[in-house]
């Protein structure tokens, strides 16, 4: 699956760079190292953080480090260069997440619309639970920036 994602990223990158609609000067290279590092953080550290929120306690540090190391390997398979791989340790992953959040997480109107739409998916029955979990996992500052209830 990781190699399929790598090939898909390469195809998307090539297709966008060859298209007339992609402004490389303004937007840089699509699906670049930073984008892939952000994905690695989302699937490694954010999962550990979410597990902590749901369980009410963190996993043992050894298990966190093991899971992070697995994502270091998956990230390498997906094409993240070692120098850009945030999954070298839990502490490094956390630092990357905080840095990426400050750098990349600037919600716009589209972000707000998508986030609120997803929270309402399948009707209002479980929306309060989804909102509470979402706020706990992303934090109030980002949840407020996304205009979550």
N, C-alpha and C. Protein backbone atom coordinates (compact mmCIF):
# COMPACT_ATOMS: atom_id res chain seq x y z
N UNK A 1 0.82 -1.19 0.00
CA UNK A 1 0.00 0.00 0.00
C UNK A 1 0.87 1.26 0.00
N UNK A 2 1.97 1.22 0.76
CA UNK A 2 2.85 2.40 0.83
C UNK A 2 3.49 2.67 -0.52
N UNK A 3 3.89 1.61 -1.21
CA UNK A 3 4.50 1.80 -2.53
C UNK A 3 3.47 2.28 -3.55
N UNK A 4 2.23 1.79 -3.44
CA UNK A 4 1.18 2.30 -4.32
C UNK A 4 0.95 3.78 -4.08
N UNK A 5 0.97 4.19 -2.81
CA UNK A 5 0.82 5.62 -2.49
C UNK A 5 1.99 6.42 -3.07
N UNK A 6 3.19 5.86 -3.00
CA UNK A 6 4.36 6.55 -3.56
C UNK A 6 4.21 6.75 -5.07
N UNK A 7 3.76 5.70 -5.76
CA UNK A 7 3.57 5.81 -7.21
C UNK A 7 2.45 6.79 -7.54
N UNK A 8 1.39 6.77 -6.75
CA UNK A 8 0.29 7.71 -6.95
C UNK A 8 0.77 9.14 -6.76
N UNK A 9 1.54 9.39 -5.70
CA UNK A 9 2.10 10.72 -5.46
C UNK A 9 2.96 11.17 -6.63
N UNK A 10 3.78 10.28 -7.13
CA UNK A 10 4.65 10.62 -8.26
C UNK A 10 3.83 10.97 -9.50
N UNK A 11 2.77 10.20 -9.75
CA UNK A 11 1.92 10.46 -10.91
C UNK A 11 1.20 11.80 -10.77
N UNK A 12 0.68 12.07 -9.58
CA UNK A 12 -0.01 13.35 -9.34
C UNK A 12 0.97 14.50 -9.48
N UNK A 13 2.16 14.34 -8.91
CA UNK A 13 3.18 15.39 -8.99
C UNK A 13 3.53 15.69 -10.44
N UNK A 14 3.78 14.64 -11.22
CA UNK A 14 4.14 14.81 -12.63
C UNK A 14 3.00 15.47 -13.41
N UNK A 15 1.79 14.96 -13.20
CA UNK A 15 0.64 15.49 -13.95
C UNK A 15 0.39 16.97 -13.61
N UNK A 16 0.49 17.31 -12.34
CA UNK A 16 0.28 18.72 -11.97
C UNK A 16 1.39 19.62 -12.51
N UNK A 17 2.63 19.16 -12.43
CA UNK A 17 3.74 19.97 -12.94
C UNK A 17 3.66 20.18 -14.44
N UNK A 18 3.07 19.21 -15.15
CA UNK A 18 2.93 19.33 -16.60
C UNK A 18 1.68 20.12 -17.00
N UNK A 19 0.78 20.34 -16.06
CA UNK A 19 -0.47 21.03 -16.40
C UNK A 19 -0.27 22.54 -16.47
N UNK A 20 -1.14 23.18 -17.19
CA UNK A 20 -1.09 24.64 -17.32
C UNK A 20 -1.59 25.34 -16.06
N UNK A 21 -2.38 24.63 -15.25
CA UNK A 21 -3.00 25.25 -14.10
C UNK A 21 -2.15 25.28 -12.84
N UNK A 22 -1.01 24.59 -12.85
CA UNK A 22 -0.18 24.56 -11.66
C UNK A 22 0.88 25.65 -11.72
N UNK A 23 0.88 26.56 -10.76
CA UNK A 23 1.84 27.65 -10.68
C UNK A 23 2.98 27.25 -9.74
N UNK A 24 4.01 26.65 -10.30
CA UNK A 24 5.11 26.14 -9.49
C UNK A 24 5.82 27.25 -8.72
N UNK A 25 5.92 28.42 -9.32
CA UNK A 25 6.58 29.54 -8.63
C UNK A 25 5.81 29.94 -7.37
N UNK A 26 4.49 29.94 -7.46
CA UNK A 26 3.66 30.36 -6.32
C UNK A 26 3.45 29.23 -5.32
N UNK A 27 3.27 27.99 -5.82
CA UNK A 27 2.85 26.89 -4.96
C UNK A 27 3.93 25.85 -4.70
N UNK A 28 5.03 25.94 -5.42
CA UNK A 28 6.10 24.96 -5.23
C UNK A 28 5.77 23.63 -5.90
N UNK A 29 6.51 22.61 -5.52
CA UNK A 29 6.33 21.28 -6.09
C UNK A 29 5.15 20.61 -5.38
N UNK A 30 4.20 20.06 -6.13
CA UNK A 30 3.08 19.39 -5.48
C UNK A 30 3.50 18.06 -4.85
N UNK A 31 2.83 17.69 -3.80
CA UNK A 31 3.12 16.46 -3.05
C UNK A 31 4.63 16.39 -2.79
N UNK A 32 5.12 17.41 -2.13
CA UNK A 32 6.55 17.52 -1.88
C UNK A 32 6.95 16.87 -0.55
N UNK A 33 8.21 16.99 -0.20
CA UNK A 33 8.71 16.37 1.03
C UNK A 33 7.97 16.86 2.27
N UNK A 34 7.68 18.15 2.32
CA UNK A 34 6.95 18.68 3.48
C UNK A 34 5.54 18.10 3.55
N UNK A 35 4.88 17.99 2.42
CA UNK A 35 3.53 17.41 2.39
C UNK A 35 3.57 15.97 2.90
N UNK A 36 4.54 15.21 2.44
CA UNK A 36 4.63 13.80 2.84
C UNK A 36 5.04 13.67 4.30
N UNK A 37 5.90 14.58 4.79
CA UNK A 37 6.27 14.56 6.21
C UNK A 37 5.05 14.89 7.07
N UNK A 38 4.22 15.82 6.61
CA UNK A 38 2.99 16.15 7.35
C UNK A 38 2.07 14.93 7.41
N UNK A 39 1.99 14.18 6.33
CA UNK A 39 1.18 12.96 6.32
C UNK A 39 1.75 11.94 7.31
N UNK A 40 3.06 11.81 7.35
CA UNK A 40 3.69 10.88 8.29
C UNK A 40 3.37 11.27 9.73
N UNK A 41 3.41 12.56 10.02
CA UNK A 41 3.07 13.04 11.36
C UNK A 41 1.61 12.74 11.68
N UNK A 42 0.74 12.95 10.71
CA UNK A 42 -0.69 12.71 10.92
C UNK A 42 -0.97 11.26 11.25
N UNK A 43 -0.27 10.34 10.58
CA UNK A 43 -0.53 8.93 10.79
C UNK A 43 0.33 8.33 11.90
N UNK A 44 1.26 9.07 12.42
CA UNK A 44 2.08 8.54 13.51
C UNK A 44 1.74 9.26 14.81
N UNK A 45 2.24 10.46 14.98
CA UNK A 45 2.06 11.15 16.26
C UNK A 45 0.60 11.48 16.56
N UNK A 46 -0.14 11.93 15.55
CA UNK A 46 -1.54 12.28 15.80
C UNK A 46 -2.36 11.05 16.21
N UNK A 47 -2.03 9.89 15.67
CA UNK A 47 -2.71 8.66 16.08
C UNK A 47 -2.38 8.34 17.53
N UNK A 48 -1.13 8.49 17.93
CA UNK A 48 -0.75 8.25 19.32
C UNK A 48 -1.45 9.23 20.25
N UNK A 49 -1.50 10.48 19.83
CA UNK A 49 -2.17 11.51 20.63
C UNK A 49 -3.67 11.22 20.73
N UNK A 50 -4.27 10.80 19.65
CA UNK A 50 -5.69 10.47 19.65
C UNK A 50 -5.97 9.27 20.55
N UNK A 51 -5.11 8.27 20.52
CA UNK A 51 -5.26 7.11 21.40
C UNK A 51 -5.21 7.55 22.86
N UNK A 52 -4.31 8.47 23.16
CA UNK A 52 -4.20 8.99 24.53
C UNK A 52 -5.48 9.70 24.96
N UNK A 53 -6.05 10.50 24.06
CA UNK A 53 -7.29 11.21 24.37
C UNK A 53 -8.41 10.21 24.62
N UNK A 54 -8.52 9.21 23.77
CA UNK A 54 -9.61 8.23 23.88
C UNK A 54 -9.44 7.35 25.12
N UNK A 55 -8.21 6.90 25.40
CA UNK A 55 -7.97 6.00 26.53
C UNK A 55 -7.83 6.73 27.86
N UNK A 56 -7.55 8.02 27.78
CA UNK A 56 -7.35 8.78 29.02
C UNK A 56 -5.95 8.66 29.59
N UNK A 57 -5.07 8.03 28.87
CA UNK A 57 -3.68 7.88 29.29
C UNK A 57 -2.84 7.55 28.05
N UNK A 58 -1.56 7.90 28.09
CA UNK A 58 -0.72 7.57 26.93
C UNK A 58 -0.37 6.09 26.92
N UNK A 59 -0.05 5.60 25.73
CA UNK A 59 0.52 4.26 25.61
C UNK A 59 1.90 4.26 26.25
N UNK A 60 2.40 3.12 26.66
CA UNK A 60 3.78 3.08 27.18
C UNK A 60 4.75 3.65 26.14
N UNK A 61 5.77 4.36 26.62
CA UNK A 61 6.72 5.03 25.72
C UNK A 61 7.35 4.06 24.73
N UNK A 62 7.67 2.85 25.17
CA UNK A 62 8.28 1.87 24.26
C UNK A 62 7.35 1.56 23.09
N UNK A 63 6.06 1.41 23.36
CA UNK A 63 5.09 1.15 22.30
C UNK A 63 4.94 2.36 21.37
N UNK A 64 4.99 3.55 21.95
CA UNK A 64 4.93 4.76 21.13
C UNK A 64 6.14 4.83 20.20
N UNK A 65 7.32 4.53 20.73
CA UNK A 65 8.54 4.57 19.92
C UNK A 65 8.49 3.49 18.83
N UNK A 66 7.98 2.31 19.17
CA UNK A 66 7.86 1.24 18.18
C UNK A 66 6.93 1.66 17.03
N UNK A 67 5.80 2.24 17.39
CA UNK A 67 4.83 2.68 16.37
C UNK A 67 5.44 3.79 15.51
N UNK A 68 6.16 4.70 16.15
CA UNK A 68 6.81 5.79 15.41
C UNK A 68 7.87 5.23 14.46
N UNK A 69 8.61 4.24 14.92
CA UNK A 69 9.63 3.63 14.05
C UNK A 69 8.97 2.95 12.85
N UNK A 70 7.83 2.29 13.05
CA UNK A 70 7.11 1.70 11.93
C UNK A 70 6.78 2.77 10.90
N UNK A 71 6.35 3.95 11.36
CA UNK A 71 6.02 5.02 10.43
C UNK A 71 7.25 5.65 9.79
N UNK A 72 8.39 5.53 10.46
CA UNK A 72 9.64 5.97 9.82
C UNK A 72 9.89 5.11 8.58
N UNK A 73 9.70 3.81 8.72
CA UNK A 73 9.89 2.89 7.60
C UNK A 73 8.84 3.12 6.52
N UNK A 74 7.57 3.24 6.91
CA UNK A 74 6.50 3.49 5.93
C UNK A 74 6.77 4.79 5.18
N UNK A 75 7.19 5.82 5.90
CA UNK A 75 7.49 7.10 5.27
C UNK A 75 8.62 6.97 4.27
N UNK A 76 9.64 6.20 4.62
CA UNK A 76 10.76 5.96 3.70
C UNK A 76 10.25 5.26 2.44
N UNK A 77 9.38 4.24 2.63
CA UNK A 77 8.82 3.56 1.47
C UNK A 77 8.04 4.52 0.59
N UNK A 78 7.38 5.50 1.21
CA UNK A 78 6.56 6.45 0.46
C UNK A 78 7.39 7.56 -0.17
N UNK A 79 8.70 7.58 0.10
CA UNK A 79 9.57 8.54 -0.57
C UNK A 79 10.02 9.72 0.27
N UNK A 80 9.78 9.69 1.57
CA UNK A 80 10.27 10.77 2.44
C UNK A 80 11.76 10.55 2.67
N UNK A 81 12.57 11.54 2.30
CA UNK A 81 14.01 11.44 2.52
C UNK A 81 14.31 11.35 4.01
N UNK A 82 15.37 10.63 4.37
CA UNK A 82 15.73 10.50 5.79
C UNK A 82 15.88 11.85 6.47
N UNK A 83 16.46 12.82 5.77
CA UNK A 83 16.67 14.15 6.36
C UNK A 83 15.35 14.86 6.66
N UNK A 84 14.28 14.46 5.99
CA UNK A 84 12.97 15.10 6.18
C UNK A 84 11.98 14.21 6.92
N UNK A 85 12.43 13.07 7.40
CA UNK A 85 11.52 12.12 8.03
C UNK A 85 11.30 12.51 9.50
N UNK A 86 10.08 12.87 9.86
CA UNK A 86 9.81 13.29 11.23
C UNK A 86 9.73 12.14 12.22
N UNK A 87 9.69 10.92 11.74
CA UNK A 87 9.42 9.76 12.59
C UNK A 87 10.68 9.10 13.12
N UNK A 88 11.65 9.89 13.55
CA UNK A 88 12.86 9.32 14.13
C UNK A 88 12.69 9.03 15.61
N UNK A 89 11.77 9.71 16.27
CA UNK A 89 11.43 9.47 17.67
C UNK A 89 10.09 10.15 17.94
N UNK A 90 9.47 9.77 19.05
CA UNK A 90 8.20 10.40 19.42
C UNK A 90 8.41 11.90 19.66
N UNK A 91 9.49 12.25 20.34
CA UNK A 91 9.76 13.66 20.63
C UNK A 91 9.97 14.46 19.34
N UNK A 92 10.70 13.89 18.40
CA UNK A 92 10.93 14.57 17.13
C UNK A 92 9.63 14.71 16.36
N UNK A 93 8.84 13.67 16.39
CA UNK A 93 7.54 13.70 15.69
C UNK A 93 6.65 14.80 16.29
N UNK A 94 6.64 14.90 17.61
CA UNK A 94 5.84 15.93 18.28
C UNK A 94 6.32 17.32 17.86
N UNK A 95 7.63 17.51 17.82
CA UNK A 95 8.18 18.81 17.42
C UNK A 95 7.78 19.15 15.98
N UNK A 96 7.86 18.17 15.09
CA UNK A 96 7.43 18.38 13.70
C UNK A 96 5.96 18.76 13.64
N UNK A 97 5.13 18.04 14.43
CA UNK A 97 3.70 18.32 14.41
C UNK A 97 3.42 19.76 14.84
N UNK A 98 4.07 20.18 15.89
CA UNK A 98 3.86 21.54 16.37
C UNK A 98 4.33 22.56 15.34
N UNK A 99 5.46 22.29 14.71
CA UNK A 99 5.98 23.19 13.69
C UNK A 99 5.06 23.23 12.47
N UNK A 100 4.63 22.05 12.01
CA UNK A 100 3.75 21.99 10.85
C UNK A 100 2.41 22.65 11.13
N UNK A 101 1.91 22.47 12.34
CA UNK A 101 0.62 23.08 12.68
C UNK A 101 0.72 24.59 12.58
N UNK A 102 1.82 25.15 13.03
CA UNK A 102 1.99 26.61 12.97
C UNK A 102 2.20 27.07 11.53
N UNK A 103 2.81 26.23 10.71
CA UNK A 103 3.17 26.60 9.35
C UNK A 103 2.07 26.33 8.33
N UNK A 104 1.43 25.17 8.46
CA UNK A 104 0.49 24.74 7.43
C UNK A 104 -0.98 24.90 7.80
N UNK A 105 -1.28 24.92 9.06
CA UNK A 105 -2.68 24.90 9.47
C UNK A 105 -3.28 26.30 9.57
N UNK A 106 -3.54 26.88 8.45
CA UNK A 106 -4.20 28.17 8.39
C UNK A 106 -5.53 27.97 7.67
N UNK A 107 -6.56 27.55 8.42
CA UNK A 107 -7.84 27.23 7.78
C UNK A 107 -8.42 28.42 7.01
N UNK A 108 -8.94 28.12 5.84
CA UNK A 108 -9.65 29.13 5.07
C UNK A 108 -11.13 28.75 5.02
N UNK A 109 -11.90 29.46 4.25
CA UNK A 109 -13.34 29.19 4.19
C UNK A 109 -13.62 27.77 3.70
N UNK A 110 -12.84 27.30 2.74
CA UNK A 110 -13.04 25.93 2.25
C UNK A 110 -12.76 24.91 3.36
N UNK A 111 -11.70 25.13 4.14
CA UNK A 111 -11.38 24.23 5.25
C UNK A 111 -12.53 24.18 6.24
N UNK A 112 -13.07 25.33 6.55
CA UNK A 112 -14.19 25.40 7.51
C UNK A 112 -15.40 24.64 6.97
N UNK A 113 -15.69 24.84 5.70
CA UNK A 113 -16.85 24.18 5.09
C UNK A 113 -16.67 22.65 5.10
N UNK A 114 -15.49 22.17 4.73
CA UNK A 114 -15.24 20.73 4.69
C UNK A 114 -15.30 20.14 6.11
N UNK A 115 -14.64 20.79 7.07
CA UNK A 115 -14.62 20.27 8.44
C UNK A 115 -16.04 20.17 9.00
N UNK A 116 -16.82 21.20 8.83
CA UNK A 116 -18.19 21.18 9.36
C UNK A 116 -19.07 20.19 8.62
N UNK A 117 -18.84 20.03 7.33
CA UNK A 117 -19.59 19.03 6.57
C UNK A 117 -19.27 17.62 7.08
N UNK A 118 -17.98 17.34 7.30
CA UNK A 118 -17.59 16.01 7.78
C UNK A 118 -18.15 15.72 9.17
N UNK A 119 -18.21 16.73 10.01
CA UNK A 119 -18.77 16.50 11.35
C UNK A 119 -20.26 16.18 11.29
N UNK A 120 -20.94 16.64 10.26
CA UNK A 120 -22.36 16.37 10.11
C UNK A 120 -22.67 15.15 9.27
N UNK A 121 -21.64 14.45 8.80
CA UNK A 121 -21.81 13.28 7.94
C UNK A 121 -22.67 12.23 8.65
N UNK A 122 -23.61 11.67 7.93
CA UNK A 122 -24.53 10.65 8.44
C UNK A 122 -25.49 11.21 9.49
N UNK A 123 -25.78 12.48 9.43
CA UNK A 123 -26.80 13.04 10.28
C UNK A 123 -26.31 13.55 11.62
N UNK A 124 -27.22 14.18 12.34
CA UNK A 124 -26.84 14.87 13.58
C UNK A 124 -26.74 13.98 14.81
N UNK A 125 -27.12 12.72 14.71
CA UNK A 125 -27.19 11.87 15.90
C UNK A 125 -25.88 11.82 16.69
N UNK A 126 -24.76 11.61 16.00
CA UNK A 126 -23.48 11.49 16.68
C UNK A 126 -22.62 12.74 16.56
N UNK A 127 -23.17 13.81 16.01
CA UNK A 127 -22.37 15.01 15.81
C UNK A 127 -21.78 15.56 17.11
N UNK A 128 -22.51 15.63 18.23
CA UNK A 128 -21.89 16.14 19.46
C UNK A 128 -20.66 15.34 19.88
N UNK A 129 -20.72 14.02 19.73
CA UNK A 129 -19.57 13.18 20.06
C UNK A 129 -18.42 13.47 19.11
N UNK A 130 -18.72 13.56 17.81
CA UNK A 130 -17.66 13.84 16.82
C UNK A 130 -17.02 15.20 17.08
N UNK A 131 -17.84 16.19 17.43
CA UNK A 131 -17.29 17.53 17.71
C UNK A 131 -16.39 17.48 18.94
N UNK A 132 -16.84 16.81 19.99
CA UNK A 132 -16.04 16.72 21.22
C UNK A 132 -14.72 16.01 20.97
N UNK A 133 -14.76 14.90 20.23
CA UNK A 133 -13.52 14.17 19.91
C UNK A 133 -12.60 15.01 19.03
N UNK A 134 -13.18 15.67 18.05
CA UNK A 134 -12.39 16.50 17.15
C UNK A 134 -11.69 17.62 17.92
N UNK A 135 -12.44 18.31 18.77
CA UNK A 135 -11.85 19.39 19.58
C UNK A 135 -10.73 18.85 20.47
N UNK A 136 -10.96 17.69 21.07
CA UNK A 136 -9.93 17.11 21.95
C UNK A 136 -8.68 16.75 21.17
N UNK A 137 -8.85 16.30 19.93
CA UNK A 137 -7.71 15.83 19.14
C UNK A 137 -6.95 16.95 18.45
N UNK A 138 -7.65 17.99 17.99
CA UNK A 138 -6.93 19.07 17.29
C UNK A 138 -6.67 20.26 18.18
N UNK A 139 -7.35 20.33 19.33
CA UNK A 139 -7.16 21.46 20.23
C UNK A 139 -8.12 22.59 19.91
N UNK A 140 -8.44 23.36 20.93
CA UNK A 140 -9.41 24.45 20.76
C UNK A 140 -8.97 25.53 19.77
N UNK A 141 -7.68 25.93 19.75
CA UNK A 141 -7.31 26.99 18.79
C UNK A 141 -7.61 26.62 17.33
N UNK A 142 -7.23 25.40 16.94
CA UNK A 142 -7.50 24.98 15.55
C UNK A 142 -9.00 24.74 15.35
N UNK A 143 -9.66 24.14 16.35
CA UNK A 143 -11.11 23.92 16.23
C UNK A 143 -11.84 25.25 16.10
N UNK A 144 -11.42 26.26 16.83
CA UNK A 144 -12.03 27.59 16.70
C UNK A 144 -11.75 28.19 15.33
N UNK A 145 -10.53 28.00 14.83
CA UNK A 145 -10.18 28.53 13.51
C UNK A 145 -10.99 27.84 12.42
N UNK A 146 -11.40 26.59 12.67
CA UNK A 146 -12.25 25.86 11.73
C UNK A 146 -13.72 26.15 11.96
N UNK A 147 -14.02 27.00 12.93
CA UNK A 147 -15.41 27.38 13.26
C UNK A 147 -16.24 26.15 13.62
N UNK A 148 -15.64 25.23 14.37
CA UNK A 148 -16.38 24.05 14.81
C UNK A 148 -17.32 24.45 15.94
N UNK A 149 -18.47 23.76 16.03
CA UNK A 149 -19.40 24.10 17.13
C UNK A 149 -18.79 23.86 18.50
